[in-house]
C-alpha atoms as a PDB file:
ATOM      1  CA  MET A   1      33.588  31.363  42.080  1.00  0.00           C
ATOM      2  CA  ARG A   2      30.095  32.531  41.101  1.00  0.00           C
ATOM      3  CA  GLU A   3      27.631  33.274  43.870  1.00  0.00           C
ATOM      4  CA  ILE A   4      24.538  31.056  43.624  1.00  0.00           C
ATOM      5  CA  LYS A   5      21.351  32.799  44.687  1.00  0.00           C
ATOM      6  CA  PHE A   6      17.774  33.170  43.583  1.00  0.00           C
ATOM      7  CA  ARG A   7      14.875  35.567  43.680  1.00  0.00           C
ATOM      8  CA  ALA A   8      11.181  34.759  43.319  1.00  0.00           C
ATOM      9  CA  TRP A   9       8.090  36.514  42.028  1.00  0.00           C
ATOM     10  CA  GLN A  10       4.993  35.898  44.107  1.00  0.00           C
ATOM     11  CA  PRO A  11       2.112  36.683  41.739  1.00  0.00           C
ATOM     12  CA  PHE A  12      -0.569  37.020  44.439  1.00  0.00           C
ATOM     13  CA  THR A  13      -1.044  38.173  48.020  1.00  0.00           C
ATOM     14  CA  SER A  14      -0.977  35.189  50.377  1.00  0.00           C
ATOM     15  CA  LEU A  15      -1.576  34.755  54.086  1.00  0.00           C
ATOM     16  CA  HIS A  16       2.119  35.508  54.690  1.00  0.00           C
ATOM     17  CA  ARG A  17       3.138  38.177  52.188  1.00  0.00           C
ATOM     18  CA  LYS A  18       2.030  40.599  49.494  1.00  0.00           C
ATOM     19  CA  LYS A  19       2.411  40.173  45.763  1.00  0.00           C
ATOM     20  CA  GLY A  20       5.943  41.106  44.763  1.00  0.00           C
ATOM     21  CA  MET A  21       9.584  40.205  44.203  1.00  0.00           C
ATOM     22  CA  TYR A  22      11.471  38.531  47.064  1.00  0.00           C
ATOM     23  CA  VAL A  23      14.894  37.069  47.686  1.00  0.00           C
ATOM     24  CA  VAL A  24      14.944  33.320  48.199  1.00  0.00           C
ATOM     25  CA  ASP A  25      16.176  32.705  51.729  1.00  0.00           C
ATOM     26  CA  ASP A  26      16.034  28.912  51.537  1.00  0.00           C
ATOM     27  CA  MET A  27      14.540  26.024  49.543  1.00  0.00           C
ATOM     28  CA  VAL A  28      13.303  22.685  50.847  1.00  0.00           C
ATOM     29  CA  TRP A  29      12.609  19.739  48.554  1.00  0.00           C
ATOM     30  CA  HIS A  30      10.092  17.038  49.421  1.00  0.00           C
ATOM     31  CA  ARG A  31       9.955  13.477  48.237  1.00  0.00           C
ATOM     32  CA  VAL A  32       7.193  13.387  45.660  1.00  0.00           C
ATOM     33  CA  THR A  33       4.565  10.659  45.930  1.00  0.00           C
ATOM     34  CA  GLU A  34       1.327  10.084  44.066  1.00  0.00           C
ATOM     35  CA  HIS A  35      -0.540  11.847  46.891  1.00  0.00           C
ATOM     36  CA  GLN A  36       1.881  14.759  47.154  1.00  0.00           C
ATOM     37  CA  THR A  37       1.996  17.022  44.131  1.00  0.00           C
ATOM     38  CA  ASN A  38       4.242  19.747  45.555  1.00  0.00           C
ATOM     39  CA  ALA A  39       7.935  19.019  45.150  1.00  0.00           C
ATOM     40  CA  GLY A  40       9.057  21.574  47.698  1.00  0.00           C
ATOM     41  CA  GLU A  41       8.820  24.942  49.316  1.00  0.00           C
ATOM     42  CA  VAL A  42      10.678  28.188  48.941  1.00  0.00           C
ATOM     43  CA  PHE A  43      11.236  30.550  51.859  1.00  0.00           C
ATOM     44  CA  LEU A  44      10.905  34.155  50.722  1.00  0.00           C
ATOM     45  CA  ALA A  45      12.024  37.363  52.406  1.00  0.00           C
ATOM     46  CA  LYS A  46      12.839  40.966  51.602  1.00  0.00           C
ATOM     47  CA  ASN A  47      16.294  40.319  53.142  1.00  0.00           C
ATOM     48  CA  ILE A  48      18.281  37.094  53.589  1.00  0.00           C
ATOM     49  CA  GLY A  49      17.749  35.576  57.029  1.00  0.00           C
ATOM     50  CA  TRP A  50      14.339  37.147  57.598  1.00  0.00           C
ATOM     51  CA  SER A  51      11.954  34.552  56.139  1.00  0.00           C
ATOM     52  CA  GLN A  52       9.323  33.183  58.482  1.00  0.00           C
ATOM     53  CA  SER A  53       7.077  31.270  56.110  1.00  0.00           C
ATOM     54  CA  SER A  54       7.169  29.503  52.784  1.00  0.00           C
ATOM     55  CA  GLU A  55       5.304  29.092  49.509  1.00  0.00           C
ATOM     56  CA  TYR A  56       5.153  25.994  47.310  1.00  0.00           C
ATOM     57  CA  PHE A  57       7.452  25.982  44.282  1.00  0.00           C
ATOM     58  CA  GLU A  58       4.455  25.770  41.972  1.00  0.00           C
ATOM     59  CA  ASP A  59       3.016  29.027  43.358  1.00  0.00           C
ATOM     60  CA  VAL A  60       6.006  31.280  42.608  1.00  0.00           C
ATOM     61  CA  GLU A  61       8.349  31.990  39.711  1.00  0.00           C
ATOM     62  CA  ILE A  62      11.966  31.341  40.712  1.00  0.00           C
ATOM     63  CA  MET A  63      14.792  33.118  38.880  1.00  0.00           C
ATOM     64  CA  GLN A  64      18.507  32.450  39.236  1.00  0.00           C
ATOM     65  CA  PHE A  65      21.128  35.182  39.642  1.00  0.00           C
ATOM     66  CA  THR A  66      23.478  35.036  36.647  1.00  0.00           C
ATOM     67  CA  GLY A  67      26.554  35.985  38.643  1.00  0.00           C
ATOM     68  CA  LEU A  68      26.826  39.202  36.603  1.00  0.00           C
ATOM     69  CA  LYS A  69      25.969  42.851  37.192  1.00  0.00           C
ATOM     70  CA  ASP A  70      25.013  45.465  34.646  1.00  0.00           C
ATOM     71  CA  GLY A  71      26.932  48.696  34.036  1.00  0.00           C
ATOM     72  CA  ASN A  72      25.138  50.322  36.992  1.00  0.00           C
ATOM     73  CA  GLY A  73      26.002  47.510  39.416  1.00  0.00           C
ATOM     74  CA  VAL A  74      22.499  45.957  39.331  1.00  0.00           C
ATOM     75  CA  GLU A  75      22.502  42.161  39.742  1.00  0.00           C
ATOM     76  CA  ILE A  76      21.217  40.425  36.597  1.00  0.00           C
ATOM     77  CA  CYS A  77      18.759  37.520  36.993  1.00  0.00           C
ATOM     78  CA  GLU A  78      16.720  35.336  34.681  1.00  0.00           C
ATOM     79  CA  GLY A  79      13.699  37.268  33.460  1.00  0.00           C
ATOM     80  CA  ASP A  80      15.404  40.652  33.575  1.00  0.00           C
ATOM     81  CA  ILE A  81      14.783  43.012  30.686  1.00  0.00           C
ATOM     82  CA  GLY A  82      17.608  45.244  29.586  1.00  0.00           C
ATOM     83  CA  LEU A  83      18.872  47.531  26.889  1.00  0.00           C
ATOM     84  CA  ILE A  84      21.993  47.461  24.796  1.00  0.00           C
ATOM     85  CA  GLY A  85      21.902  50.831  23.130  1.00  0.00           C
ATOM     86  CA  THR A  86      18.243  51.119  22.114  1.00  0.00           C
ATOM     87  CA  THR A  87      17.617  47.394  21.553  1.00  0.00           C
ATOM     88  CA  GLN A  88      15.712  45.520  24.249  1.00  0.00           C
ATOM     89  CA  TYR A  89      16.670  42.007  25.394  1.00  0.00           C
ATOM     90  CA  THR A  90      15.363  39.529  27.953  1.00  0.00           C
ATOM     91  CA  VAL A  91      17.723  37.376  30.012  1.00  0.00           C
ATOM     92  CA  CYS A  92      16.902  33.665  29.716  1.00  0.00           C
ATOM     93  CA  TRP A  93      18.471  30.284  30.384  1.00  0.00           C
ATOM     94  CA  ASN A  94      19.649  28.412  27.296  1.00  0.00           C
ATOM     95  CA  GLU A  95      18.839  24.740  28.029  1.00  0.00           C
ATOM     96  CA  ALA A  96      20.805  23.395  25.065  1.00  0.00           C
ATOM     97  CA  GLY A  97      24.014  25.213  25.930  1.00  0.00           C
ATOM     98  CA  ALA A  98      23.559  25.477  29.723  1.00  0.00           C
ATOM     99  CA  PHE A  99      24.292  29.211  29.875  1.00  0.00           C
ATOM    100  CA  PHE A 100      22.459  32.521  30.192  1.00  0.00           C
ATOM    101  CA  ASP A 101      21.548  34.092  26.882  1.00  0.00           C
ATOM    102  CA  LEU A 102      19.618  37.070  25.554  1.00  0.00           C
ATOM    103  CA  ALA A 103      16.308  36.891  23.697  1.00  0.00           C
ATOM    104  CA  TRP A 104      15.977  39.787  21.275  1.00  0.00           C
ATOM    105  CA  GLU A 105      13.111  42.278  21.722  1.00  0.00           C
ATOM    106  CA  ASN A 106       9.768  40.433  21.992  1.00  0.00           C
ATOM    107  CA  SER A 107      11.102  37.209  20.549  1.00  0.00           C
ATOM    108  CA  THR A 108      11.060  33.906  22.399  1.00  0.00           C
ATOM    109  CA  ASP A 109      13.969  32.688  20.269  1.00  0.00           C
ATOM    110  CA  MET A 110      17.394  33.243  21.722  1.00  0.00           C
ATOM    111  CA  ASP A 111      20.091  35.044  19.788  1.00  0.00           C
ATOM    112  CA  THR A 112      22.717  32.363  20.384  1.00  0.00           C
ATOM    113  CA  ASP A 113      25.454  34.584  18.966  1.00  0.00           C
ATOM    114  CA  PHE A 114      24.970  37.027  21.841  1.00  0.00           C
ATOM    115  CA  LEU A 115      25.862  35.705  25.280  1.00  0.00           C
ATOM    116  CA  LEU A 116      24.879  37.648  28.373  1.00  0.00           C
ATOM    117  CA  SER A 117      28.506  37.664  29.550  1.00  0.00           C
ATOM    118  CA  ASP A 118      29.538  39.381  26.285  1.00  0.00           C
ATOM    119  CA  ALA A 119      26.803  42.006  26.731  1.00  0.00           C
ATOM    120  CA  VAL A 120      27.932  42.860  30.251  1.00  0.00           C
ATOM    121  CA  ASN A 121      31.564  43.207  29.240  1.00  0.00           C
ATOM    122  CA  GLY A 122      30.907  44.895  25.894  1.00  0.00           C
ATOM    123  CA  PHE A 123      30.173  48.365  24.695  1.00  0.00           C
ATOM    124  CA  PRO A 124      27.525  49.672  24.850  1.00  0.00           C
ATOM    125  CA  MET A 125      26.871  48.054  28.201  1.00  0.00           C
ATOM    126  CA  PHE A 126      23.765  46.004  29.040  1.00  0.00           C
ATOM    127  CA  GLU A 127      21.484  47.979  31.392  1.00  0.00           C
ATOM    128  CA  VAL A 128      18.647  46.351  33.389  1.00  0.00           C
ATOM    129  CA  ILE A 129      15.401  48.333  33.003  1.00  0.00           C
ATOM    130  CA  GLY A 130      13.005  45.902  34.685  1.00  0.00           C
ATOM    131  CA  ASN A 131      11.856  42.298  34.603  1.00  0.00           C
ATOM    132  CA  ILE A 132       9.104  40.274  32.964  1.00  0.00           C
ATOM    133  CA  TYR A 133       7.022  40.068  36.161  1.00  0.00           C
ATOM    134  CA  GLU A 134       7.143  43.551  37.647  1.00  0.00           C
ATOM    135  CA  LYS A 135       7.125  45.387  34.285  1.00  0.00           C
ATOM    136  CA  PRO A 136       5.382  43.084  31.767  1.00  0.00           C
ATOM    137  CA  GLU A 137       4.412  46.147  29.707  1.00  0.00           C
ATOM    138  CA  LEU A 138       8.050  46.260  28.536  1.00  0.00           C
ATOM    139  CA  LEU A 139       7.356  43.048  26.591  1.00  0.00           C
ATOM    140  CA  GLU A 140       4.390  44.495  24.698  1.00  0.00           C
ATOM    141  CA  VAL A 141       4.933  44.863  20.972  1.00  0.00           C
ATOM    142  CA  THR A 142       4.853  48.462  19.842  1.00  0.00           C
ATOM    143  CA  SER A 143       4.198  49.463  16.252  1.00  0.00           C
END
């Protein structure tokens, strides 16, 4: 059975924590009304079990763990950037197929012939080199 867990990018320093990547310790959903625009809160921590405050869903970017690890044992999540040989890919969720896929280089189109699970089990092995939030410069087009 695949472990379900999430991480979140907090793009700003708040009252409770600094800008950065955090594990999601817990999520709480609220009933949405016309006067309440926030659908819930996410409790963030550097380690599971250590969260003491929350942020609204709309204020952070939440990424799901794919259940896979790269060749170096690094957990692979949505938004991760990795290499297969010298070609760069970004891990993304394929809505149409309901699976994790790889977007090629700086493309937003997914290469639907290349599943993330194939890249992890193939040769050469997929290697995580960063993510779209902490290392956005990896997405810049070079010529």
